[in-house]
C-alpha atoms as a PDB file:
ATOM      1  CA  MET A   1      22.842 -36.766  63.004  1.00  0.00           C
ATOM      2  CA  LEU A   2      25.070 -36.507  66.104  1.00  0.00           C
ATOM      3  CA  ALA A   3      25.378 -32.730  65.750  1.00  0.00           C
ATOM      4  CA  ASN A   4      21.600 -32.390  65.402  1.00  0.00           C
ATOM      5  CA  ALA A   5      20.957 -34.443  68.543  1.00  0.00           C
ATOM      6  CA  ILE A   6      23.476 -32.495  70.610  1.00  0.00           C
ATOM      7  CA  GLY A   7      22.234 -29.171  69.250  1.00  0.00           C
ATOM      8  CA  ALA A   8      18.627 -30.093  70.078  1.00  0.00           C
ATOM      9  CA  LYS A   9      19.583 -31.163  73.608  1.00  0.00           C
ATOM     10  CA  PHE A  10      21.475 -27.891  74.081  1.00  0.00           C
ATOM     11  CA  THR A  11      18.417 -25.875  73.028  1.00  0.00           C
ATOM     12  CA  THR A  12      16.219 -27.864  75.411  1.00  0.00           C
ATOM     13  CA  LEU A  13      18.598 -27.383  78.344  1.00  0.00           C
ATOM     14  CA  PHE A  14      19.768 -23.825  77.823  1.00  0.00           C
ATOM     15  CA  HIS A  15      16.956 -22.240  75.766  1.00  0.00           C
ATOM     16  CA  SER A  16      19.211 -20.661  73.148  1.00  0.00           C
ATOM     17  CA  GLU A  17      20.660 -21.489  69.751  1.00  0.00           C
ATOM     18  CA  PRO A  18      24.215 -22.838  69.871  1.00  0.00           C
ATOM     19  CA  LEU A  19      27.251 -22.625  67.671  1.00  0.00           C
ATOM     20  CA  LEU A  20      28.090 -26.219  66.682  1.00  0.00           C
ATOM     21  CA  VAL A  21      31.761 -27.193  66.634  1.00  0.00           C
ATOM     22  CA  ARG A  22      33.137 -30.469  65.297  1.00  0.00           C
ATOM     23  CA  SER A  23      36.528 -31.632  66.504  1.00  0.00           C
ATOM     24  CA  PRO A  24      37.997 -34.823  64.990  1.00  0.00           C
ATOM     25  CA  GLY A  25      39.594 -37.694  66.829  1.00  0.00           C
ATOM     26  CA  ARG A  26      43.223 -38.545  66.193  1.00  0.00           C
ATOM     27  CA  ASN A  27      45.358 -41.581  65.441  1.00  0.00           C
ATOM     28  CA  ASN A  28      49.045 -41.563  66.234  1.00  0.00           C
ATOM     29  CA  LEU A  29      51.210 -43.521  63.849  1.00  0.00           C
ATOM     30  CA  ILE A  30      54.405 -44.407  65.614  1.00  0.00           C
ATOM     31  CA  GLY A  31      57.447 -46.324  64.544  1.00  0.00           C
ATOM     32  CA  GLU A  32      59.709 -48.597  66.498  1.00  0.00           C
ATOM     33  CA  HIS A  33      61.825 -47.248  69.356  1.00  0.00           C
ATOM     34  CA  THR A  34      60.093 -43.869  69.605  1.00  0.00           C
ATOM     35  CA  ASP A  35      60.603 -43.761  73.344  1.00  0.00           C
ATOM     36  CA  TYR A  36      64.352 -43.134  73.019  1.00  0.00           C
ATOM     37  CA  ASN A  37      64.627 -41.693  69.482  1.00  0.00           C
ATOM     38  CA  GLU A  38      63.141 -38.231  70.066  1.00  0.00           C
ATOM     39  CA  GLY A  39      59.587 -39.583  70.111  1.00  0.00           C
ATOM     40  CA  PHE A  40      58.630 -38.837  66.523  1.00  0.00           C
ATOM     41  CA  VAL A  41      54.931 -39.479  65.910  1.00  0.00           C
ATOM     42  CA  LEU A  42      52.747 -38.750  62.886  1.00  0.00           C
ATOM     43  CA  SER A  43      49.252 -37.717  63.968  1.00  0.00           C
ATOM     44  CA  THR A  44      46.319 -38.056  61.596  1.00  0.00           C
ATOM     45  CA  ALA A  45      42.657 -37.113  61.994  1.00  0.00           C
ATOM     46  CA  ASN A  46      40.119 -39.920  61.833  1.00  0.00           C
ATOM     47  CA  ASP A  47      36.412 -40.057  61.053  1.00  0.00           C
ATOM     48  CA  LYS A  48      35.356 -40.034  64.728  1.00  0.00           C
ATOM     49  CA  GLN A  49      34.453 -36.742  66.380  1.00  0.00           C
ATOM     50  CA  MET A  50      33.439 -34.705  69.370  1.00  0.00           C
ATOM     51  CA  VAL A  51      30.610 -32.238  68.769  1.00  0.00           C
ATOM     52  CA  LEU A  52      30.218 -29.232  71.020  1.00  0.00           C
ATOM     53  CA  ALA A  53      27.160 -26.979  71.088  1.00  0.00           C
ATOM     54  CA  VAL A  54      28.169 -23.667  72.678  1.00  0.00           C
ATOM     55  CA  ALA A  55      26.610 -20.264  73.366  1.00  0.00           C
ATOM     56  CA  LYS A  56      27.433 -17.370  75.672  1.00  0.00           C
ATOM     57  CA  ASN A  57      25.062 -16.993  78.609  1.00  0.00           C
ATOM     58  CA  ASP A  58      25.822 -13.428  79.794  1.00  0.00           C
ATOM     59  CA  THR A  59      26.783 -14.615  83.287  1.00  0.00           C
ATOM     60  CA  SER A  60      30.069 -15.427  84.996  1.00  0.00           C
ATOM     61  CA  THR A  61      29.238 -19.135  85.027  1.00  0.00           C
ATOM     62  CA  ILE A  62      30.207 -22.050  82.809  1.00  0.00           C
ATOM     63  CA  ARG A  63      27.438 -24.643  82.515  1.00  0.00           C
ATOM     64  CA  LEU A  64      28.322 -27.992  80.929  1.00  0.00           C
ATOM     65  CA  PHE A  65      26.371 -31.053  79.841  1.00  0.00           C
ATOM     66  CA  ALA A  66      27.939 -34.367  78.788  1.00  0.00           C
ATOM     67  CA  PHE A  67      25.475 -35.858  76.295  1.00  0.00           C
ATOM     68  CA  TYR A  68      26.250 -39.574  76.593  1.00  0.00           C
ATOM     69  CA  LEU A  69      26.877 -39.489  80.321  1.00  0.00           C
ATOM     70  CA  ASP A  70      23.708 -37.425  80.904  1.00  0.00           C
ATOM     71  CA  GLU A  71      25.621 -35.423  83.510  1.00  0.00           C
ATOM     72  CA  THR A  72      25.996 -31.723  84.230  1.00  0.00           C
ATOM     73  CA  ALA A  73      28.712 -29.594  85.788  1.00  0.00           C
ATOM     74  CA  GLU A  74      28.983 -25.914  86.612  1.00  0.00           C
ATOM     75  CA  ALA A  75      31.852 -23.580  87.488  1.00  0.00           C
ATOM     76  CA  GLY A  76      32.312 -19.896  88.182  1.00  0.00           C
ATOM     77  CA  LEU A  77      34.817 -18.019  86.038  1.00  0.00           C
ATOM     78  CA  GLU A  78      36.344 -16.075  88.905  1.00  0.00           C
ATOM     79  CA  GLY A  79      38.808 -18.126  90.903  1.00  0.00           C
ATOM     80  CA  LEU A  80      38.376 -21.038  88.502  1.00  0.00           C
ATOM     81  CA  LYS A  81      39.414 -24.284  90.162  1.00  0.00           C
ATOM     82  CA  PRO A  82      39.255 -27.981  89.287  1.00  0.00           C
ATOM     83  CA  SER A  83      35.821 -29.558  89.304  1.00  0.00           C
ATOM     84  CA  PRO A  84      34.935 -32.690  91.272  1.00  0.00           C
ATOM     85  CA  VAL A  85      33.301 -33.819  87.990  1.00  0.00           C
ATOM     86  CA  SER A  86      36.397 -35.157  86.227  1.00  0.00           C
ATOM     87  CA  TRP A  87      35.273 -34.766  82.595  1.00  0.00           C
ATOM     88  CA  ALA A  88      34.462 -31.075  83.172  1.00  0.00           C
ATOM     89  CA  ASN A  89      38.120 -30.365  83.853  1.00  0.00           C
ATOM     90  CA  TYR A  90      39.053 -30.834  80.198  1.00  0.00           C
ATOM     91  CA  ILE A  91      36.992 -27.771  79.275  1.00  0.00           C
ATOM     92  CA  LEU A  92      37.804 -25.855  82.459  1.00  0.00           C
ATOM     93  CA  ASP A  93      41.539 -26.348  81.841  1.00  0.00           C
ATOM     94  CA  VAL A  94      41.172 -24.775  78.389  1.00  0.00           C
ATOM     95  CA  VAL A  95      39.329 -21.809  79.903  1.00  0.00           C
ATOM     96  CA  ASP A  96      41.996 -21.478  82.602  1.00  0.00           C
ATOM     97  CA  GLN A  97      44.810 -21.449  80.030  1.00  0.00           C
ATOM     98  CA  LEU A  98      43.005 -18.849  77.918  1.00  0.00           C
ATOM     99  CA  GLN A  99      42.497 -16.671  80.999  1.00  0.00           C
ATOM    100  CA  GLN A 100      46.175 -17.017  81.956  1.00  0.00           C
ATOM    101  CA  ALA A 101      47.082 -15.890  78.424  1.00  0.00           C
ATOM    102  CA  GLY A 102      45.114 -12.688  79.047  1.00  0.00           C
ATOM    103  CA  HIS A 103      41.899 -13.490  77.170  1.00  0.00           C
ATOM    104  CA  GLN A 104      38.596 -12.316  78.599  1.00  0.00           C
ATOM    105  CA  ILE A 105      36.264 -15.307  78.814  1.00  0.00           C
ATOM    106  CA  GLY A 106      32.583 -14.760  79.547  1.00  0.00           C
ATOM    107  CA  GLY A 107      30.126 -17.270  80.868  1.00  0.00           C
ATOM    108  CA  PHE A 108      28.936 -19.897  78.430  1.00  0.00           C
ATOM    109  CA  ASP A 109      26.833 -23.004  78.108  1.00  0.00           C
ATOM    110  CA  CYS A 110      28.130 -26.136  76.396  1.00  0.00           C
ATOM    111  CA  ALA A 111      26.645 -29.522  75.597  1.00  0.00           C
ATOM    112  CA  PHE A 112      28.986 -32.051  74.028  1.00  0.00           C
ATOM    113  CA  GLY A 113      29.208 -35.633  72.931  1.00  0.00           C
ATOM    114  CA  GLY A 114      30.870 -37.746  70.331  1.00  0.00           C
ATOM    115  CA  ASP A 115      31.503 -41.098  68.799  1.00  0.00           C
ATOM    116  CA  ILE A 116      35.136 -41.369  69.871  1.00  0.00           C
ATOM    117  CA  SER A 117      35.496 -44.282  72.270  1.00  0.00           C
ATOM    118  CA  MET A 118      36.891 -43.103  75.572  1.00  0.00           C
ATOM    119  CA  GLU A 119      40.192 -44.728  76.529  1.00  0.00           C
ATOM    120  CA  ALA A 120      40.601 -46.232  73.053  1.00  0.00           C
ATOM    121  CA  GLY A 121      43.676 -44.175  72.202  1.00  0.00           C
ATOM    122  CA  LEU A 122      41.787 -42.006  69.708  1.00  0.00           C
ATOM    123  CA  SER A 123      42.193 -38.795  71.719  1.00  0.00           C
ATOM    124  CA  SER A 124      38.637 -38.077  72.819  1.00  0.00           C
ATOM    125  CA  SER A 125      39.952 -35.706  75.487  1.00  0.00           C
ATOM    126  CA  ASP A 126      42.148 -33.886  72.971  1.00  0.00           C
ATOM    127  CA  ALA A 127      39.212 -33.524  70.599  1.00  0.00           C
ATOM    128  CA  LEU A 128      37.118 -32.124  73.440  1.00  0.00           C
ATOM    129  CA  GLU A 129      39.825 -29.646  74.426  1.00  0.00           C
ATOM    130  CA  CYS A 130      40.436 -28.514  70.828  1.00  0.00           C
ATOM    131  CA  GLY A 131      36.717 -28.061  70.259  1.00  0.00           C
ATOM    132  CA  ALA A 132      36.424 -26.047  73.461  1.00  0.00           C
ATOM    133  CA  ALA A 133      39.323 -23.796  72.469  1.00  0.00           C
END
């Protein structure tokens, strides 16, 4: 249901059919004294998710829409710099790292949302970044 809603919103906003990507949230199982014993952590996926609807737009612009915030952000690919819209930087950072690794990234549109509670320790930002990659 979540993927359908985000996909439909993408089509309404950007007038194209998206690729839908699901990226799971994460739990970290940690033991005692991890802070000074090499920090071993066992990560496991959970049943929460971020869903990204993405399609190329044949421009040099990244256009983003945060479904639950009902907010947009836009950035040019050349001279990519941090956005004043804080949530957009998670995706822009992924694009920046891919560019620095020598990958050619074209303009794209992306609408995303999920059922991972922000700031609940379930890695909503990681899920967003992995989905964007």
